[in-house]
Amino acid sequence: MNITFSFIIIDDSELDCFVTQKFLERSNKSLTINTFQDAEDALKIIRESRNKKSKRPTIVLLDLLMPGMSGFKFVEEFEKFPAEIQKMYRIIILTVLSSNSHPIDIHRVLNNGTVHSVIEKPLTKEKLISLLDDIEPGQ
């Protein structure tokens, strides 16, 4: 699999960050992957990315249920950024919540225009391939 995207992983679990990062690295060793256990730190980096131009979007794998700034609050704050920043990122919710067991929460996050999709943990090769096939530059 030849992946040309960069990734940001935001998850309060150090283990989940590590596992997701290793999975992505095994898919393609030349990826750019940044991990954050604090969503506010990730927002700061994204805010500073205004001057970086990329032909491919950065995929943000975001956990919803985190202490401090939750994934819901992260999305709310991300949507305050200018469109030029927002278009450089695709937010993918990577969560243990399922649409069957938590339909209100999943519906709530999918109603945000900046959330591309929701994937149930754990990330698998099939889920990753499907996700990347579905993301096109400029979407």
N, C-alpha and C. Protein backbone atom coordinates (compact mmCIF):
# COMPACT_ATOMS: atom_id res chain seq x y z
N MET A 1 0.85 -1.17 0.00
CA MET A 1 0.00 0.00 0.00
C MET A 1 0.90 1.23 0.00
N ASN A 2 0.65 2.15 -0.93
CA ASN A 2 1.46 3.36 -1.03
C ASN A 2 0.63 4.54 -0.55
N ILE A 3 0.90 5.00 0.66
CA ILE A 3 0.13 6.08 1.27
C ILE A 3 0.91 7.37 1.12
N THR A 4 0.24 8.42 0.66
CA THR A 4 0.90 9.71 0.50
C THR A 4 0.33 10.76 1.44
N PHE A 5 -0.40 10.35 2.43
CA PHE A 5 -1.00 11.27 3.39
C PHE A 5 -0.08 11.42 4.60
N SER A 6 -0.28 12.50 5.33
CA SER A 6 0.34 12.59 6.65
C SER A 6 -0.79 12.42 7.67
N PHE A 7 -0.42 12.08 8.87
CA PHE A 7 -1.41 11.77 9.90
C PHE A 7 -1.12 12.52 11.19
N ILE A 8 -2.20 12.86 11.87
CA ILE A 8 -2.15 13.34 13.25
C ILE A 8 -3.05 12.40 14.04
N ILE A 9 -2.50 11.83 15.08
CA ILE A 9 -3.27 10.95 15.97
C ILE A 9 -3.49 11.71 17.27
N ILE A 10 -4.75 11.83 17.67
CA ILE A 10 -5.09 12.51 18.93
C ILE A 10 -5.87 11.53 19.78
N ASP A 11 -5.25 11.07 20.84
CA ASP A 11 -5.88 10.09 21.73
C ASP A 11 -5.23 10.21 23.10
N ASP A 12 -6.03 10.28 24.14
CA ASP A 12 -5.47 10.42 25.49
C ASP A 12 -4.75 9.15 25.94
N SER A 13 -4.99 8.04 25.28
CA SER A 13 -4.33 6.79 25.64
C SER A 13 -2.99 6.68 24.92
N GLU A 14 -1.92 6.66 25.70
CA GLU A 14 -0.59 6.51 25.12
C GLU A 14 -0.49 5.20 24.34
N LEU A 15 -1.10 4.16 24.87
CA LEU A 15 -1.07 2.85 24.19
C LEU A 15 -1.80 2.92 22.86
N ASP A 16 -2.97 3.53 22.82
CA ASP A 16 -3.72 3.64 21.56
C ASP A 16 -2.94 4.46 20.53
N CYS A 17 -2.30 5.54 20.98
CA CYS A 17 -1.47 6.34 20.07
C CYS A 17 -0.35 5.49 19.50
N PHE A 18 0.32 4.74 20.36
CA PHE A 18 1.44 3.90 19.95
C PHE A 18 0.99 2.83 18.95
N VAL A 19 -0.09 2.13 19.27
CA VAL A 19 -0.58 1.06 18.40
C VAL A 19 -1.00 1.61 17.04
N THR A 20 -1.73 2.70 17.03
CA THR A 20 -2.16 3.29 15.76
C THR A 20 -0.96 3.77 14.95
N GLN A 21 -0.01 4.40 15.61
CA GLN A 21 1.19 4.87 14.91
C GLN A 21 1.96 3.68 14.31
N LYS A 22 2.15 2.62 15.07
CA LYS A 22 2.88 1.46 14.56
C LYS A 22 2.13 0.82 13.39
N PHE A 23 0.82 0.76 13.48
CA PHE A 23 0.03 0.21 12.38
C PHE A 23 0.23 1.02 11.11
N LEU A 24 0.18 2.34 11.23
CA LEU A 24 0.38 3.20 10.07
C LEU A 24 1.80 3.08 9.52
N GLU A 25 2.78 3.02 10.41
CA GLU A 25 4.17 2.88 9.97
C GLU A 25 4.41 1.58 9.23
N ARG A 26 3.74 0.52 9.65
CA ARG A 26 3.87 -0.76 8.96
C ARG A 26 3.22 -0.72 7.58
N SER A 27 2.24 0.17 7.43
CA SER A 27 1.58 0.33 6.13
C SER A 27 2.48 1.08 5.15
N ASN A 28 3.29 2.00 5.68
CA ASN A 28 4.20 2.78 4.85
C ASN A 28 5.21 3.46 5.76
N LYS A 29 6.45 3.09 5.63
CA LYS A 29 7.50 3.59 6.54
C LYS A 29 7.83 5.07 6.33
N SER A 30 7.44 5.65 5.21
CA SER A 30 7.81 7.04 4.95
C SER A 30 6.71 8.04 5.32
N LEU A 31 5.77 7.62 6.11
CA LEU A 31 4.69 8.53 6.53
C LEU A 31 5.19 9.58 7.51
N THR A 32 4.50 10.70 7.51
CA THR A 32 4.68 11.69 8.55
C THR A 32 3.54 11.49 9.54
N ILE A 33 3.88 11.17 10.78
CA ILE A 33 2.87 10.91 11.80
C ILE A 33 3.22 11.71 13.05
N ASN A 34 2.26 12.49 13.50
CA ASN A 34 2.41 13.21 14.77
C ASN A 34 1.35 12.71 15.72
N THR A 35 1.73 12.45 16.96
CA THR A 35 0.77 11.98 17.95
C THR A 35 0.65 12.98 19.09
N PHE A 36 -0.57 13.10 19.59
CA PHE A 36 -0.86 14.00 20.69
C PHE A 36 -1.80 13.30 21.66
N GLN A 37 -1.51 13.45 22.95
CA GLN A 37 -2.42 12.94 23.97
C GLN A 37 -3.30 14.07 24.51
N ASP A 38 -3.04 15.27 24.06
CA ASP A 38 -3.80 16.45 24.47
C ASP A 38 -4.30 17.14 23.21
N ALA A 39 -5.61 17.22 23.05
CA ALA A 39 -6.20 17.80 21.85
C ALA A 39 -5.85 19.28 21.69
N GLU A 40 -5.65 19.98 22.79
CA GLU A 40 -5.29 21.41 22.70
C GLU A 40 -3.92 21.59 22.06
N ASP A 41 -2.98 20.68 22.33
CA ASP A 41 -1.66 20.75 21.70
C ASP A 41 -1.78 20.55 20.19
N ALA A 42 -2.63 19.63 19.79
CA ALA A 42 -2.83 19.38 18.36
C ALA A 42 -3.46 20.60 17.68
N LEU A 43 -4.42 21.23 18.33
CA LEU A 43 -5.04 22.45 17.77
C LEU A 43 -4.00 23.54 17.56
N LYS A 44 -3.08 23.68 18.49
CA LYS A 44 -2.04 24.70 18.37
C LYS A 44 -1.18 24.44 17.13
N ILE A 45 -0.81 23.20 16.90
CA ILE A 45 0.00 22.84 15.73
C ILE A 45 -0.79 23.09 14.44
N ILE A 46 -2.05 22.73 14.45
CA ILE A 46 -2.89 22.94 13.26
C ILE A 46 -3.05 24.43 12.99
N ARG A 47 -3.26 25.21 14.02
CA ARG A 47 -3.40 26.66 13.88
C ARG A 47 -2.15 27.25 13.23
N GLU A 48 -0.99 26.72 13.58
CA GLU A 48 0.29 27.22 13.05
C GLU A 48 0.58 26.70 11.64
N SER A 49 -0.24 25.81 11.12
CA SER A 49 0.01 25.20 9.81
C SER A 49 -0.46 26.06 8.65
N ARG A 50 -0.97 27.21 8.92
CA ARG A 50 -1.55 28.09 7.89
C ARG A 50 -0.61 28.31 6.71
N ASN A 51 0.68 28.39 6.95
CA ASN A 51 1.63 28.69 5.88
C ASN A 51 2.14 27.47 5.13
N LYS A 52 1.75 26.29 5.58
CA LYS A 52 2.20 25.07 4.91
C LYS A 52 1.19 24.68 3.84
N LYS A 53 1.66 24.44 2.64
CA LYS A 53 0.79 24.04 1.54
C LYS A 53 1.10 22.58 1.20
N SER A 54 0.05 21.80 1.05
CA SER A 54 0.21 20.39 0.72
C SER A 54 -0.84 20.01 -0.31
N LYS A 55 -0.47 19.14 -1.23
CA LYS A 55 -1.44 18.67 -2.22
C LYS A 55 -2.37 17.62 -1.63
N ARG A 56 -1.91 16.95 -0.61
CA ARG A 56 -2.72 15.93 0.05
C ARG A 56 -3.10 16.40 1.44
N PRO A 57 -4.30 16.10 1.87
CA PRO A 57 -4.70 16.53 3.22
C PRO A 57 -4.01 15.71 4.30
N THR A 58 -3.94 16.30 5.47
CA THR A 58 -3.48 15.58 6.65
C THR A 58 -4.72 14.94 7.27
N ILE A 59 -4.60 13.68 7.59
CA ILE A 59 -5.71 12.96 8.20
C ILE A 59 -5.55 13.02 9.71
N VAL A 60 -6.58 13.50 10.38
CA VAL A 60 -6.59 13.60 11.84
C VAL A 60 -7.43 12.43 12.36
N LEU A 61 -6.77 11.49 13.04
CA LEU A 61 -7.47 10.39 13.68
C LEU A 61 -7.74 10.83 15.11
N LEU A 62 -9.00 11.07 15.43
CA LEU A 62 -9.40 11.74 16.66
C LEU A 62 -10.25 10.85 17.54
N ASP A 63 -9.80 10.67 18.78
CA ASP A 63 -10.61 9.98 19.78
C ASP A 63 -11.65 10.96 20.30
N LEU A 64 -12.85 10.49 20.57
CA LEU A 64 -13.91 11.38 21.07
C LEU A 64 -13.86 11.57 22.57
N LEU A 65 -13.65 10.48 23.28
CA LEU A 65 -13.78 10.51 24.74
C LEU A 65 -12.42 10.68 25.39
N MET A 66 -12.09 11.95 25.69
CA MET A 66 -10.81 12.27 26.31
C MET A 66 -11.06 13.25 27.45
N PRO A 67 -10.23 13.17 28.50
CA PRO A 67 -10.34 14.18 29.56
C PRO A 67 -9.80 15.51 29.06
N GLY A 68 -10.12 16.57 29.74
CA GLY A 68 -9.69 17.89 29.26
C GLY A 68 -10.53 18.26 28.06
N MET A 69 -9.88 18.42 26.91
CA MET A 69 -10.62 18.73 25.69
C MET A 69 -11.05 17.43 25.01
N SER A 70 -12.34 17.22 24.93
CA SER A 70 -12.86 16.02 24.27
C SER A 70 -12.75 16.17 22.76
N GLY A 71 -12.97 15.07 22.06
CA GLY A 71 -13.00 15.13 20.61
C GLY A 71 -14.11 16.03 20.10
N PHE A 72 -15.24 16.04 20.81
CA PHE A 72 -16.35 16.91 20.42
C PHE A 72 -15.91 18.38 20.48
N LYS A 73 -15.24 18.76 21.56
CA LYS A 73 -14.78 20.14 21.72
C LYS A 73 -13.69 20.47 20.70
N PHE A 74 -12.82 19.50 20.40
CA PHE A 74 -11.78 19.69 19.39
C PHE A 74 -12.43 20.08 18.06
N VAL A 75 -13.44 19.32 17.65
CA VAL A 75 -14.11 19.59 16.37
C VAL A 75 -14.76 20.98 16.40
N GLU A 76 -15.38 21.31 17.51
CA GLU A 76 -16.01 22.62 17.65
C GLU A 76 -14.98 23.75 17.48
N GLU A 77 -13.81 23.60 18.09
CA GLU A 77 -12.76 24.60 17.98
C GLU A 77 -12.13 24.61 16.57
N PHE A 78 -11.97 23.43 15.98
CA PHE A 78 -11.41 23.32 14.63
C PHE A 78 -12.28 24.06 13.62
N GLU A 79 -13.58 23.99 13.81
CA GLU A 79 -14.51 24.64 12.88
C GLU A 79 -14.46 26.16 12.96
N LYS A 80 -13.76 26.71 13.93
CA LYS A 80 -13.57 28.16 14.02
C LYS A 80 -12.39 28.63 13.17
N PHE A 81 -11.57 27.69 12.71
CA PHE A 81 -10.42 28.06 11.88
C PHE A 81 -10.89 28.51 10.51
N PRO A 82 -10.08 29.33 9.84
CA PRO A 82 -10.42 29.75 8.47
C PRO A 82 -10.51 28.54 7.54
N ALA A 83 -11.30 28.69 6.50
CA ALA A 83 -11.50 27.60 5.52
C ALA A 83 -10.19 27.13 4.92
N GLU A 84 -9.22 28.03 4.75
CA GLU A 84 -7.93 27.65 4.16
C GLU A 84 -7.19 26.63 5.03
N ILE A 85 -7.39 26.69 6.34
CA ILE A 85 -6.79 25.69 7.23
C ILE A 85 -7.64 24.43 7.22
N GLN A 86 -8.95 24.57 7.35
CA GLN A 86 -9.83 23.41 7.41
C GLN A 86 -9.66 22.48 6.20
N LYS A 87 -9.48 23.06 5.02
CA LYS A 87 -9.40 22.22 3.82
C LYS A 87 -8.12 21.39 3.76
N MET A 88 -7.16 21.70 4.60
CA MET A 88 -5.91 20.94 4.63
C MET A 88 -6.00 19.68 5.49
N TYR A 89 -7.15 19.48 6.16
CA TYR A 89 -7.30 18.37 7.10
C TYR A 89 -8.58 17.60 6.86
N ARG A 90 -8.54 16.30 7.15
CA ARG A 90 -9.73 15.46 7.14
C ARG A 90 -9.80 14.81 8.52
N ILE A 91 -10.84 15.14 9.26
CA ILE A 91 -11.00 14.57 10.59
C ILE A 91 -11.76 13.26 10.49
N ILE A 92 -11.13 12.23 11.03
CA ILE A 92 -11.73 10.91 11.10
C ILE A 92 -11.83 10.56 12.58
N ILE A 93 -13.01 10.28 13.02
CA ILE A 93 -13.21 9.89 14.40
C ILE A 93 -12.84 8.41 14.51
N LEU A 94 -11.91 8.12 15.38
CA LEU A 94 -11.48 6.74 15.65
C LEU A 94 -11.87 6.48 17.10
N THR A 95 -12.93 5.70 17.30
CA THR A 95 -13.52 5.60 18.63
C THR A 95 -14.03 4.20 18.93
N VAL A 96 -14.25 3.94 20.21
CA VAL A 96 -14.87 2.69 20.63
C VAL A 96 -16.38 2.79 20.62
N LEU A 97 -16.90 4.01 20.48
CA LEU A 97 -18.35 4.19 20.39
C LEU A 97 -18.85 3.63 19.07
N SER A 98 -19.96 2.95 19.10
CA SER A 98 -20.54 2.45 17.85
C SER A 98 -21.85 3.17 17.59
N SER A 99 -22.24 3.19 16.32
CA SER A 99 -23.49 3.87 15.97
C SER A 99 -24.69 3.13 16.53
N ASN A 100 -24.53 1.86 16.84
CA ASN A 100 -25.63 1.10 17.44
C ASN A 100 -25.79 1.40 18.93
N SER A 101 -24.67 1.49 19.65
CA SER A 101 -24.75 1.68 21.09
C SER A 101 -24.80 3.15 21.51
N HIS A 102 -24.32 4.06 20.64
CA HIS A 102 -24.30 5.48 20.95
C HIS A 102 -24.75 6.31 19.74
N PRO A 103 -25.96 6.07 19.23
CA PRO A 103 -26.38 6.75 18.00
C PRO A 103 -26.44 8.27 18.12
N ILE A 104 -26.81 8.80 19.28
CA ILE A 104 -26.90 10.26 19.44
C ILE A 104 -25.52 10.90 19.35
N ASP A 105 -24.53 10.30 20.04
CA ASP A 105 -23.17 10.85 20.00
C ASP A 105 -22.58 10.78 18.60
N ILE A 106 -22.76 9.66 17.92
CA ILE A 106 -22.21 9.49 16.58
C ILE A 106 -22.91 10.46 15.62
N HIS A 107 -24.23 10.58 15.71
CA HIS A 107 -24.97 11.51 14.86
C HIS A 107 -24.51 12.95 15.11
N ARG A 108 -24.30 13.27 16.37
CA ARG A 108 -23.87 14.63 16.74
C ARG A 108 -22.54 14.99 16.07
N VAL A 109 -21.59 14.08 16.10
CA VAL A 109 -20.28 14.39 15.54
C VAL A 109 -20.31 14.38 14.01
N LEU A 110 -21.12 13.54 13.42
CA LEU A 110 -21.19 13.49 11.96
C LEU A 110 -21.91 14.70 11.38
N ASN A 111 -22.69 15.39 12.19
CA ASN A 111 -23.36 16.60 11.73
C ASN A 111 -22.39 17.76 11.55
N ASN A 112 -21.20 17.64 12.11
CA ASN A 112 -20.19 18.67 11.92
C ASN A 112 -19.64 18.54 10.51
N GLY A 113 -19.60 19.63 9.79
CA GLY A 113 -19.15 19.58 8.40
C GLY A 113 -17.71 19.19 8.20
N THR A 114 -16.91 19.30 9.24
CA THR A 114 -15.48 19.00 9.10
C THR A 114 -15.14 17.55 9.41
N VAL A 115 -16.09 16.78 9.92
CA VAL A 115 -15.83 15.37 10.22
C VAL A 115 -16.15 14.54 8.99
N HIS A 116 -15.13 13.85 8.52
CA HIS A 116 -15.27 13.07 7.29
C HIS A 116 -16.00 11.75 7.54
N SER A 117 -15.61 11.04 8.59
CA SER A 117 -16.25 9.76 8.90
C SER A 117 -15.89 9.31 10.30
N VAL A 118 -16.54 8.23 10.71
CA VAL A 118 -16.29 7.61 12.01
C VAL A 118 -15.87 6.17 11.77
N ILE A 119 -14.78 5.78 12.41
CA ILE A 119 -14.29 4.40 12.31
C ILE A 119 -14.20 3.85 13.73
N GLU A 120 -14.73 2.65 13.92
CA GLU A 120 -14.62 2.02 15.22
C GLU A 120 -13.23 1.44 15.41
N LYS A 121 -12.69 1.64 16.61
CA LYS A 121 -11.40 1.05 16.96
C LYS A 121 -11.56 -0.46 17.01
N PRO A 122 -10.55 -1.19 16.69
CA PRO A 122 -9.20 -0.78 16.28
C PRO A 122 -9.16 -0.52 14.77
N LEU A 123 -8.18 0.29 14.36
CA LEU A 123 -7.94 0.54 12.95
C LEU A 123 -7.37 -0.74 12.33
N THR A 124 -7.91 -1.13 11.18
CA THR A 124 -7.42 -2.31 10.47
C THR A 124 -6.95 -1.89 9.08
N LYS A 125 -6.25 -2.77 8.43
CA LYS A 125 -5.77 -2.48 7.08
C LYS A 125 -6.95 -2.22 6.14
N GLU A 126 -8.00 -3.00 6.26
CA GLU A 126 -9.18 -2.83 5.41
C GLU A 126 -9.83 -1.47 5.65
N LYS A 127 -9.95 -1.08 6.93
CA LYS A 127 -10.55 0.22 7.25
C LYS A 127 -9.68 1.35 6.71
N LEU A 128 -8.37 1.20 6.83
CA LEU A 128 -7.45 2.23 6.35
C LEU A 128 -7.53 2.37 4.83
N ILE A 129 -7.53 1.28 4.12
CA ILE A 129 -7.61 1.31 2.66
C ILE A 129 -8.91 1.97 2.22
N SER A 130 -10.01 1.58 2.84
CA SER A 130 -11.31 2.15 2.51
C SER A 130 -11.33 3.65 2.78
N LEU A 131 -10.77 4.05 3.90
CA LEU A 131 -10.71 5.45 4.27
C LEU A 131 -9.91 6.25 3.25
N LEU A 132 -8.72 5.79 2.89
CA LEU A 132 -7.86 6.52 1.98
C LEU A 132 -8.42 6.57 0.56
N ASP A 133 -9.10 5.49 0.15
CA ASP A 133 -9.74 5.49 -1.17
C ASP A 133 -10.85 6.53 -1.25
N ASP A 134 -11.44 6.83 -0.10
CA ASP A 134 -12.58 7.73 -0.05
C ASP A 134 -12.17 9.20 0.06
N ILE A 135 -10.91 9.47 0.39
CA ILE A 135 -10.45 10.84 0.57
C ILE A 135 -9.70 11.31 -0.66
N GLU A 136 -10.17 12.40 -1.21
CA GLU A 136 -9.53 12.99 -2.38
C GLU A 136 -9.07 14.40 -2.04
N PRO A 137 -7.97 14.86 -2.62
CA PRO A 137 -7.54 16.23 -2.37
C PRO A 137 -8.63 17.22 -2.79
N GLY A 138 -8.76 18.27 -1.98
CA GLY A 138 -9.71 19.32 -2.31
C GLY A 138 -11.14 19.02 -1.95
N GLN A 139 -11.41 17.89 -1.30
CA GLN A 139 -12.78 17.58 -0.90
C GLN A 139 -13.23 18.51 0.19
